[in-house]
Structures are given as structure tokens and as C-alpha cells.
């Protein structure tokens, strides 16, 4: 198949992952610690077969994998918490701050220079980010809330995870890296079992199936995106940045408002325009 077909499959299925996560936290698994633990188990189970098929082994270099595993685990926990607290159409635009955090990490730890161009696009992302969090009150304070801060921390930890994954891939294969990060994710969540131990007895098919669906969506989107990136980076990046989850959240607000979220058309228009501006600025930062 052409690379752009893989890219579209990746972005659509990735959007389904986000929507499924939101529906699960809202209607099925309210305890974020239980949700995080179950998701870690499912991701590991989906990672083991392809990792073994692709000859995953013990890492040649442990420290970047350990650090990537730590930040991956922290990101997943913060993601689940934020996903349960914020609208999809508010949370997803925050991921455009990855470019900002990458620039700041480069300046702080690698001595890179912060140019005027960087500062311009960072400012654009910040301003657009404020508008993307607007609700019916039209207050700037909507951005300066604890829930938004948690979402930004999730994005920051994801940026750190990506940085250490790149370092890990210097001396380790892709599937060795994926496998051991998945193992570390589960191991580091074992101490949280007392936080949801009593709820384990109440688990049934309605709790497990949506998490399994997320595992399937995550596997398909990751494979499709990687297949597309191998052929064309630029166009694939543009397609992968399309906010499918926001579009789906808007459709839910029209046809099933009680399931996900509900806002006025004006609010969604502001959020979509702000997100488009953030995506453009984030792409410029990455060049």
C-alpha cells in the first residue's frame, strides 16, 4: 500500500485509541491506577509476540531503556489521570507542546541555542494553547488550572520518553527496546496494586474488552505510522497531526452528547482553529 494509506490508518486508529480511553475512564474503569495497570498488562501482551518474532533480546545498553521505561510509566499514569479529568478536545491539543519542551530540553541539557524564530513559535503555541482550553465562560483562567498542568506534565514526560527511546535505539534494536520498556512499565506499576486491590474482584468482560481494544488500536497505529514514516517523513507527519480524536469528540457531542462531552459550536470552532495554529507552529519548530 502507498505510505499515505498507512499514515491515514495510523492517525484514524490513534484517534480511536484516544476516544476508547476516554469512554473507558468515564463509563467503565473510574480508578486511574487500575486502568494504568490493566493497560500496562495489555500492552506487554501485545508486545511480546512481535518482539520475539523479531528476535528481541537482553539490551546491549540498559540505562537509556531504564530511563525511557521510567518516563514512559509516568507518562502513562499522567495520561490516564488527565484523560479522566479533561475533555478530549481540550487534552489533545496539549500534545503540541512537545515541540516546546523538546526545544527547552535541548537548551537546558545539550547547550542548544534558543533563536528568535524558536521563541516566536513557542509564543504562538502558548497563546493558541490558551484558546484551545476555552469553555463557555471564555476565561483565560481555564488554561491556568491544575488539570491543564497535569496534562502539560504528561506531555513533558512523553517528550523525555521519546528522547531516551532515541538514545536506546543507538545500541538496541527497536523490538528489544519496545519489549523492555513494556516490561518496566508493568513492573513499576506493581507497587500501586494496593490502590485498586479491592476492585480486582469486580472486574468483568465490560472492563477488560475496552482495554484490549486499546491494545489492538495501539499496535495497529504504531505499525502503520512506522510503515509510513519509513517512506515519507514530511507528509506522514502532517497526516499524523490531524486531530482525529477531536473530530470524533465533536461528532459525539452532536449525536451522543452524554457519552463523551458537549459544548457549543462556537467553543469547538475556537478549539479547532487554535489546534490548527498549534500544529502549524509545532511543525515549524521541528524543522
Protein backbone atom coordinates (compact mmCIF):
# COMPACT_ATOMS: atom_id res chain seq x y z
CA UNK A 1 0.00 0.00 0.00
CA UNK A 2 1.11 3.62 -0.52
CA UNK A 3 2.67 5.28 2.52
CA UNK A 4 -0.17 7.79 2.85
CA UNK A 5 -2.68 4.94 3.29
CA UNK A 6 -0.61 3.66 6.21
CA UNK A 7 -0.45 7.22 7.58
CA UNK A 8 -4.23 7.62 7.43
CA UNK A 9 -4.73 4.23 9.07
CA UNK A 10 -2.30 5.26 11.80
CA UNK A 11 -3.94 8.60 12.56
CA UNK A 12 -7.54 7.26 12.46
CA UNK A 13 -6.78 4.27 14.68
CA UNK A 14 -4.78 6.51 17.02
CA UNK A 15 -7.88 8.69 17.33
CA UNK A 16 -9.95 5.59 18.17
CA UNK A 17 -7.41 4.78 20.91
CA UNK A 18 -7.92 8.21 22.50
CA UNK A 19 -11.72 8.04 22.31
CA UNK A 20 -11.76 4.49 23.72
CA UNK A 21 -9.53 5.61 26.60
CA UNK A 22 -11.90 8.47 27.42
CA UNK A 23 -15.02 6.30 27.22
CA UNK A 24 -13.36 3.65 29.38
CA UNK A 25 -12.31 6.07 32.12
CA UNK A 26 -15.72 7.76 32.09
CA UNK A 27 -18.02 4.74 31.92
CA UNK A 28 -16.08 1.59 32.80
CA UNK A 29 -12.90 1.95 34.89
CA UNK A 30 -13.01 5.03 37.11
CA UNK A 31 -9.89 4.15 39.15
CA UNK A 32 -6.94 5.53 37.13
CA UNK A 33 -4.45 3.26 38.91
CA UNK A 34 -6.41 0.15 37.94
CA UNK A 35 -6.75 1.49 34.39
CA UNK A 36 -3.00 2.15 34.16
CA UNK A 37 -2.16 -1.34 35.45
CA UNK A 38 -4.54 -3.13 33.09
CA UNK A 39 -3.29 -1.11 30.13
CA UNK A 40 0.33 -1.96 31.01
CA UNK A 41 -0.56 -5.68 31.06
CA UNK A 42 -2.36 -5.50 27.71
CA UNK A 43 0.44 -3.52 26.04
CA UNK A 44 3.01 -6.07 27.25
CA UNK A 45 0.90 -8.98 26.00
CA UNK A 46 0.60 -7.33 22.57
CA UNK A 47 4.32 -6.50 22.51
CA UNK A 48 5.73 -9.93 23.38
CA UNK A 49 4.76 -11.89 20.19
CA UNK A 50 6.16 -9.44 17.59
CA UNK A 51 9.18 -8.77 19.81
CA UNK A 52 10.06 -12.47 19.95
CA UNK A 53 9.39 -12.88 16.21
CA UNK A 54 11.82 -10.02 15.57
CA UNK A 55 14.50 -11.58 17.83
CA UNK A 56 14.28 -9.22 20.82
CA UNK A 57 16.93 -9.99 23.44
CA UNK A 58 18.62 -8.54 26.50
CA UNK A 59 19.59 -4.90 25.90
CA UNK A 60 23.15 -4.02 24.93
CA UNK A 61 22.74 -0.72 26.76
CA UNK A 62 20.48 -0.67 29.81
CA UNK A 63 20.48 2.91 31.12
CA UNK A 64 18.58 4.64 28.27
CA UNK A 65 15.97 1.85 28.31
CA UNK A 66 15.56 2.16 32.08
CA UNK A 67 15.12 5.93 31.85
CA UNK A 68 12.75 5.56 28.88
CA UNK A 69 10.79 3.00 30.89
CA UNK A 70 10.55 5.31 33.89
CA UNK A 71 9.32 8.28 31.87
CA UNK A 72 7.02 6.03 29.81
CA UNK A 73 5.38 4.75 33.00
CA UNK A 74 5.00 8.24 34.45
CA UNK A 75 3.56 9.48 31.15
CA UNK A 76 1.02 6.64 31.00
CA UNK A 77 -0.16 7.35 34.55
CA UNK A 78 -0.43 11.10 33.94
CA UNK A 79 -2.17 10.41 30.63
CA UNK A 80 -4.83 8.25 32.29
CA UNK A 81 -5.36 10.81 35.06
CA UNK A 82 -5.62 13.75 32.66
CA UNK A 83 -7.79 11.80 30.24
CA UNK A 84 -10.31 11.26 33.03
CA UNK A 85 -10.30 14.93 34.04
CA UNK A 86 -10.29 16.84 30.74
CA UNK A 87 -12.33 16.84 27.55
CA UNK A 88 -10.66 15.13 24.60
CA UNK A 89 -10.90 18.41 22.67
CA UNK A 90 -9.00 20.15 25.49
CA UNK A 91 -6.42 17.49 26.30
CA UNK A 92 -5.26 16.51 22.79
CA UNK A 93 -4.11 20.00 21.72
CA UNK A 94 -1.71 20.00 24.69
CA UNK A 95 0.42 17.40 22.89
CA UNK A 96 1.52 20.16 20.52
CA UNK A 97 3.63 21.44 23.43
CA UNK A 98 6.05 18.55 22.78
CA UNK A 99 7.96 20.76 20.37
CA UNK A 100 8.24 23.46 23.03
CA UNK A 101 9.52 21.00 25.63
CA UNK A 102 11.97 19.49 23.13
CA UNK A 103 13.42 22.95 22.47
CA UNK A 104 13.68 23.69 26.21
CA UNK A 105 15.36 20.31 26.89
CA UNK A 106 17.82 20.98 24.08
CA UNK A 107 18.67 24.39 25.52
CA UNK A 108 18.88 23.21 29.14
CA UNK A 109 20.75 19.92 28.74
CA UNK A 110 22.51 19.99 25.36
CA UNK A 111 23.53 23.64 25.12
CA UNK A 112 21.45 24.34 22.03
CA UNK A 113 20.66 27.95 21.19
CA UNK A 114 17.16 29.40 21.54
CA UNK A 115 16.68 31.52 18.42
CA UNK A 116 14.22 34.32 17.81
CA UNK A 117 12.36 32.01 15.44
CA UNK A 118 12.01 29.40 18.19
CA UNK A 119 10.73 32.00 20.64
CA UNK A 120 8.14 33.20 18.11
CA UNK A 121 6.63 29.76 17.54
CA UNK A 122 6.80 28.90 21.26
CA UNK A 123 4.79 32.06 21.95
CA UNK A 124 2.28 31.13 19.23
CA UNK A 125 1.79 27.65 20.71
CA UNK A 126 1.33 29.11 24.20
CA UNK A 127 -1.26 31.66 23.06
CA UNK A 128 -3.11 29.14 20.89
CA UNK A 129 -2.98 26.66 23.78
CA UNK A 130 -4.79 29.14 26.00
CA UNK A 131 -7.57 29.48 23.42
CA UNK A 132 -7.76 25.70 22.87
CA UNK A 133 -8.79 25.25 26.52
CA UNK A 134 -11.62 27.80 26.34
CA UNK A 135 -15.05 26.79 27.59
CA UNK A 136 -18.37 28.60 27.70
CA UNK A 137 -17.04 31.05 30.30
CA UNK A 138 -14.47 32.41 27.79
CA UNK A 139 -11.98 32.91 30.61
CA UNK A 140 -8.21 32.82 30.19
CA UNK A 141 -8.13 31.20 33.62
CA UNK A 142 -9.42 28.00 32.00
CA UNK A 143 -5.85 27.33 30.86
CA UNK A 144 -4.23 28.01 34.24
CA UNK A 145 -5.83 25.12 36.10
CA UNK A 146 -4.39 22.09 37.88
CA UNK A 147 -5.87 19.71 35.31
CA UNK A 148 -4.15 21.55 32.45
CA UNK A 149 -0.88 21.50 34.41
CA UNK A 150 -1.17 17.71 34.80
CA UNK A 151 -1.81 17.42 31.06
CA UNK A 152 1.26 19.51 30.28
CA UNK A 153 3.33 17.36 32.64
CA UNK A 154 2.11 14.28 30.75
CA UNK A 155 3.30 15.89 27.51
CA UNK A 156 6.64 16.78 29.13
CA UNK A 157 7.22 13.21 30.30
CA UNK A 158 6.31 11.92 26.84
CA UNK A 159 8.96 14.23 25.37
CA UNK A 160 11.55 12.84 27.80
CA UNK A 161 10.47 9.28 26.98
CA UNK A 162 10.90 9.94 23.24
CA UNK A 163 14.36 11.43 23.84
CA UNK A 164 15.59 8.38 25.77
CA UNK A 165 13.97 5.95 23.31
CA UNK A 166 16.08 7.57 20.58
CA UNK A 167 19.18 7.07 22.74
CA UNK A 168 18.17 3.48 23.46
CA UNK A 169 17.85 2.73 19.74
CA UNK A 170 21.50 3.66 19.18
CA UNK A 171 22.70 0.40 20.79
CA UNK A 172 19.49 -1.68 20.92
CA UNK A 173 17.06 -2.96 18.31
CA UNK A 174 13.57 -1.48 18.05
CA UNK A 175 11.82 -4.58 19.41
CA UNK A 176 14.31 -5.09 22.23
CA UNK A 177 13.64 -1.51 23.26
CA UNK A 178 9.85 -1.86 22.96
CA UNK A 179 9.80 -5.14 24.89
CA UNK A 180 11.86 -3.99 27.85
CA UNK A 181 10.07 -0.66 28.15
CA UNK A 182 6.77 -2.59 28.27
CA UNK A 183 8.20 -4.93 30.94
CA UNK A 184 9.46 -2.00 33.01
CA UNK A 185 6.08 -0.25 32.69
CA UNK A 186 4.33 -3.21 34.30
CA UNK A 187 6.97 -3.80 36.97
CA UNK A 188 6.93 -0.17 38.09
CA UNK A 189 3.14 -0.25 38.48
CA UNK A 190 3.15 -3.36 40.68
CA UNK A 191 3.59 -1.24 43.88
CA UNK A 192 0.28 0.53 43.03
CA UNK A 193 -1.76 -2.69 43.40
CA UNK A 194 -2.92 -1.78 46.95
CA UNK A 195 -4.60 1.31 45.44
CA UNK A 196 -7.04 -0.85 43.46
CA UNK A 197 -6.73 -4.32 45.03
CA UNK A 198 -10.35 -4.38 46.24
CA UNK A 199 -11.63 -3.57 42.75
CA UNK A 200 -9.93 -6.54 41.08
CA UNK A 201 -12.74 -8.85 42.22
CA UNK A 202 -15.28 -6.66 40.42
CA UNK A 203 -13.57 -6.88 37.04
CA UNK A 204 -15.60 -8.43 34.24
CA UNK A 205 -15.66 -8.53 30.45
CA UNK A 206 -17.02 -4.97 30.21
CA UNK A 207 -13.85 -3.70 31.90
CA UNK A 208 -11.35 -5.86 30.03
CA UNK A 209 -12.67 -5.55 26.46
CA UNK A 210 -12.15 -1.77 26.02
CA UNK A 211 -8.59 -2.06 27.36
CA UNK A 212 -7.96 -4.93 24.92
CA UNK A 213 -9.37 -2.72 22.15
CA UNK A 214 -6.87 -0.02 23.16
CA UNK A 215 -4.08 -2.60 22.89
CA UNK A 216 -5.22 -3.50 19.38
CA UNK A 217 -5.57 0.15 18.36
CA UNK A 218 -2.15 1.00 19.79
CA UNK A 219 -0.49 -1.90 17.97
CA UNK A 220 -2.12 -1.08 14.60
CA UNK A 221 -1.47 2.67 14.81
CA UNK A 222 2.17 2.13 15.81
CA UNK A 223 2.81 -0.33 12.95
CA UNK A 224 1.01 1.82 10.36
CA UNK A 225 2.76 5.02 11.44
CA UNK A 226 6.21 3.38 11.36
CA UNK A 227 5.49 1.93 7.90
CA UNK A 228 4.52 5.39 6.63
CA UNK A 229 7.46 7.20 8.28
CA UNK A 230 9.92 4.81 6.59
CA UNK A 231 8.80 6.07 3.17
CA UNK A 232 7.95 9.72 3.71
CA UNK A 233 8.52 11.77 6.87
CA UNK A 234 7.02 15.14 5.93
CA UNK A 235 3.60 14.19 4.55
CA UNK A 236 3.23 11.40 7.12
CA UNK A 237 3.85 13.90 9.92
CA UNK A 238 1.17 16.21 8.51
CA UNK A 239 -1.37 13.37 8.31
CA UNK A 240 -0.49 12.03 11.77
CA UNK A 241 -1.03 15.52 13.24
CA UNK A 242 -4.66 15.67 12.06
CA UNK A 243 -6.74 15.76 15.29
CA UNK A 244 -8.96 12.76 14.53
CA UNK A 245 -9.81 12.29 18.22
CA UNK A 246 -11.08 15.88 18.40
CA UNK A 247 -13.21 15.36 15.30
CA UNK A 248 -14.67 12.20 16.83
CA UNK A 249 -15.29 14.01 20.12
CA UNK A 250 -17.17 16.73 18.23
CA UNK A 251 -19.29 14.10 16.46
CA UNK A 252 -20.07 12.51 19.82
CA UNK A 253 -21.13 15.92 21.14
CA UNK A 254 -23.67 16.16 18.30
CA UNK A 255 -25.02 12.60 18.17
CA UNK A 256 -24.34 11.26 21.69
CA UNK A 257 -23.57 14.21 23.99
CA UNK A 258 -23.96 12.24 27.21
CA UNK A 259 -21.29 9.72 26.28
CA UNK A 260 -18.26 12.00 25.97
CA UNK A 261 -18.57 15.78 26.09
CA UNK A 262 -20.84 18.60 25.00
CA UNK A 263 -20.05 22.21 24.08
CA UNK A 264 -21.42 24.87 21.77
CA UNK A 265 -20.37 25.10 18.12
CA UNK A 266 -18.56 28.34 18.91
CA UNK A 267 -16.36 26.62 21.51
CA UNK A 268 -15.48 23.79 19.14
CA UNK A 269 -14.69 26.30 16.37
CA UNK A 270 -12.28 28.12 18.71
CA UNK A 271 -10.66 24.86 19.81
CA UNK A 272 -10.22 23.55 16.26
CA UNK A 273 -8.75 26.81 14.94
CA UNK A 274 -6.42 27.04 17.96
CA UNK A 275 -5.31 23.44 17.46
CA UNK A 276 -4.61 24.05 13.77
CA UNK A 277 -2.42 27.03 14.70
CA UNK A 278 -0.61 24.93 17.33
CA UNK A 279 0.02 22.12 14.84
CA UNK A 280 1.45 24.58 12.29
CA UNK A 281 3.73 26.16 14.89
CA UNK A 282 4.83 22.74 16.23
CA UNK A 283 5.76 21.61 12.70
CA UNK A 284 7.79 24.79 12.21
CA UNK A 285 9.62 24.15 15.49
CA UNK A 286 10.58 20.66 14.37
CA UNK A 287 12.29 21.93 11.21
